[in-house]
Amino acid sequence: YASNCQACHNYGAAGAPKTGDVASWVDRRTTGIETVYANAINGIGGMPAKGTCMDCSDDEIIATIDYMIENSQ
């Protein structure tokens, strides 16, 4: 998270859901967690695939999404 995600997700850059912003994560989770994972892995809107962490595995991206959601409840 600290290396590749916080630059956008701490501040909401390019529409990124901010870590800690309950409402923005609730909205995304209504699509289903598998969709949230797929969007993070494949990219969506202003977010490139894997948030520019091309060295990250899909499991690492999923763990990061889980971290952000857990800290946004």
C-alpha atoms as a PDB file:
ATOM      1  CA  TYR A   1       0.000   0.000   0.000  1.00  0.00           C
ATOM      2  CA  ALA A   2       2.663   2.499   1.036  1.00  0.00           C
ATOM      3  CA  SER A   3       4.739   2.027  -2.106  1.00  0.00           C
ATOM      4  CA  ASN A   4       2.126   2.143  -4.826  1.00  0.00           C
ATOM      5  CA  CYS A   5      -1.348   2.950  -3.549  1.00  0.00           C
ATOM      6  CA  GLN A   6      -1.276   5.666  -0.940  1.00  0.00           C
ATOM      7  CA  ALA A   7      -0.369   8.466  -3.339  1.00  0.00           C
ATOM      8  CA  CYS A   8      -3.858   8.280  -4.848  1.00  0.00           C
ATOM      9  CA  HIS A   9      -5.868   6.532  -2.149  1.00  0.00           C
ATOM     10  CA  ASN A  10      -4.838   8.815   0.707  1.00  0.00           C
ATOM     11  CA  TYR A  11      -6.021  11.903  -1.174  1.00  0.00           C
ATOM     12  CA  GLY A  12      -8.646  10.678  -3.640  1.00  0.00           C
ATOM     13  CA  ALA A  13      -6.564  11.576  -6.683  1.00  0.00           C
ATOM     14  CA  ALA A  14      -8.284  10.916 -10.017  1.00  0.00           C
ATOM     15  CA  GLY A  15     -11.413   9.766  -8.196  1.00  0.00           C
ATOM     16  CA  ALA A  16      -9.692   7.031  -6.192  1.00  0.00           C
ATOM     17  CA  PRO A  17     -11.689   5.956  -3.142  1.00  0.00           C
ATOM     18  CA  LYS A  18      -9.859   7.324  -0.122  1.00  0.00           C
ATOM     19  CA  THR A  19      -8.710   4.863   2.490  1.00  0.00           C
ATOM     20  CA  GLY A  20     -10.792   5.623   5.556  1.00  0.00           C
ATOM     21  CA  ASP A  21     -13.725   7.095   3.593  1.00  0.00           C
ATOM     22  CA  VAL A  22     -16.512   4.702   4.528  1.00  0.00           C
ATOM     23  CA  ALA A  23     -19.047   5.984   1.992  1.00  0.00           C
ATOM     24  CA  SER A  24     -16.789   5.687  -1.041  1.00  0.00           C
ATOM     25  CA  TRP A  25     -15.957   2.072  -0.211  1.00  0.00           C
ATOM     26  CA  VAL A  26     -19.554   1.119   0.542  1.00  0.00           C
ATOM     27  CA  ASP A  27     -20.508   2.375  -2.915  1.00  0.00           C
ATOM     28  CA  ARG A  28     -17.853   0.234  -4.557  1.00  0.00           C
ATOM     29  CA  ARG A  29     -18.603  -2.856  -2.506  1.00  0.00           C
ATOM     30  CA  THR A  30     -22.231  -2.851  -3.682  1.00  0.00           C
ATOM     31  CA  THR A  31     -20.915  -4.144  -7.020  1.00  0.00           C
ATOM     32  CA  GLY A  32     -19.491  -7.191  -5.216  1.00  0.00           C
ATOM     33  CA  ILE A  33     -16.030  -7.765  -3.819  1.00  0.00           C
ATOM     34  CA  GLU A  34     -14.956  -9.832  -6.832  1.00  0.00           C
ATOM     35  CA  THR A  35     -15.684  -6.819  -9.065  1.00  0.00           C
ATOM     36  CA  VAL A  36     -13.664  -4.565  -6.773  1.00  0.00           C
ATOM     37  CA  TYR A  37     -10.745  -7.010  -6.964  1.00  0.00           C
ATOM     38  CA  ALA A  38     -11.024  -7.304 -10.766  1.00  0.00           C
ATOM     39  CA  ASN A  39     -11.109  -3.512 -11.166  1.00  0.00           C
ATOM     40  CA  ALA A  40      -7.964  -3.152  -9.053  1.00  0.00           C
ATOM     41  CA  ILE A  41      -6.149  -5.878 -10.966  1.00  0.00           C
ATOM     42  CA  ASN A  42      -7.249  -4.804 -14.458  1.00  0.00           C
ATOM     43  CA  GLY A  43      -7.602  -1.061 -13.914  1.00  0.00           C
ATOM     44  CA  ILE A  44     -10.674   1.155 -14.084  1.00  0.00           C
ATOM     45  CA  GLY A  45     -11.230   4.825 -14.848  1.00  0.00           C
ATOM     46  CA  GLY A  46      -8.072   6.737 -13.944  1.00  0.00           C
ATOM     47  CA  MET A  47      -6.509   3.751 -12.186  1.00  0.00           C
ATOM     48  CA  PRO A  48      -4.072   1.743 -14.282  1.00  0.00           C
ATOM     49  CA  ALA A  49      -3.864  -2.022 -13.934  1.00  0.00           C
ATOM     50  CA  LYS A  50      -2.579  -2.969 -10.496  1.00  0.00           C
ATOM     51  CA  GLY A  51      -2.218   0.712  -9.679  1.00  0.00           C
ATOM     52  CA  THR A  52       1.162   0.719 -11.474  1.00  0.00           C
ATOM     53  CA  CYS A  53       2.524  -2.107  -9.284  1.00  0.00           C
ATOM     54  CA  MET A  54       3.261  -4.471 -12.138  1.00  0.00           C
ATOM     55  CA  ASP A  55       5.533  -6.508  -9.853  1.00  0.00           C
ATOM     56  CA  CYS A  56       2.612  -7.193  -7.495  1.00  0.00           C
ATOM     57  CA  SER A  57       0.803 -10.498  -7.727  1.00  0.00           C
ATOM     58  CA  ASP A  58      -2.961 -10.600  -7.965  1.00  0.00           C
ATOM     59  CA  ASP A  59      -2.987 -11.911  -4.380  1.00  0.00           C
ATOM     60  CA  GLU A  60      -0.986  -8.888  -3.218  1.00  0.00           C
ATOM     61  CA  ILE A  61      -3.443  -6.548  -4.931  1.00  0.00           C
ATOM     62  CA  ILE A  62      -6.360  -8.392  -3.301  1.00  0.00           C
ATOM     63  CA  ALA A  63      -4.659  -8.161   0.107  1.00  0.00           C
ATOM     64  CA  THR A  64      -4.189  -4.421  -0.425  1.00  0.00           C
ATOM     65  CA  ILE A  65      -7.854  -3.958  -1.324  1.00  0.00           C
ATOM     66  CA  ASP A  66      -8.795  -5.908   1.813  1.00  0.00           C
ATOM     67  CA  TYR A  67      -6.493  -3.639   3.855  1.00  0.00           C
ATOM     68  CA  MET A  68      -8.092  -0.500   2.447  1.00  0.00           C
ATOM     69  CA  ILE A  69     -11.615  -1.815   3.039  1.00  0.00           C
ATOM     70  CA  GLU A  70     -10.793  -2.931   6.596  1.00  0.00           C
ATOM     71  CA  ASN A  71      -9.505   0.566   7.305  1.00  0.00           C
ATOM     72  CA  SER A  72     -12.598   2.157   5.768  1.00  0.00           C
ATOM     73  CA  GLN A  73     -15.379   0.787   7.962  1.00  0.00           C
END
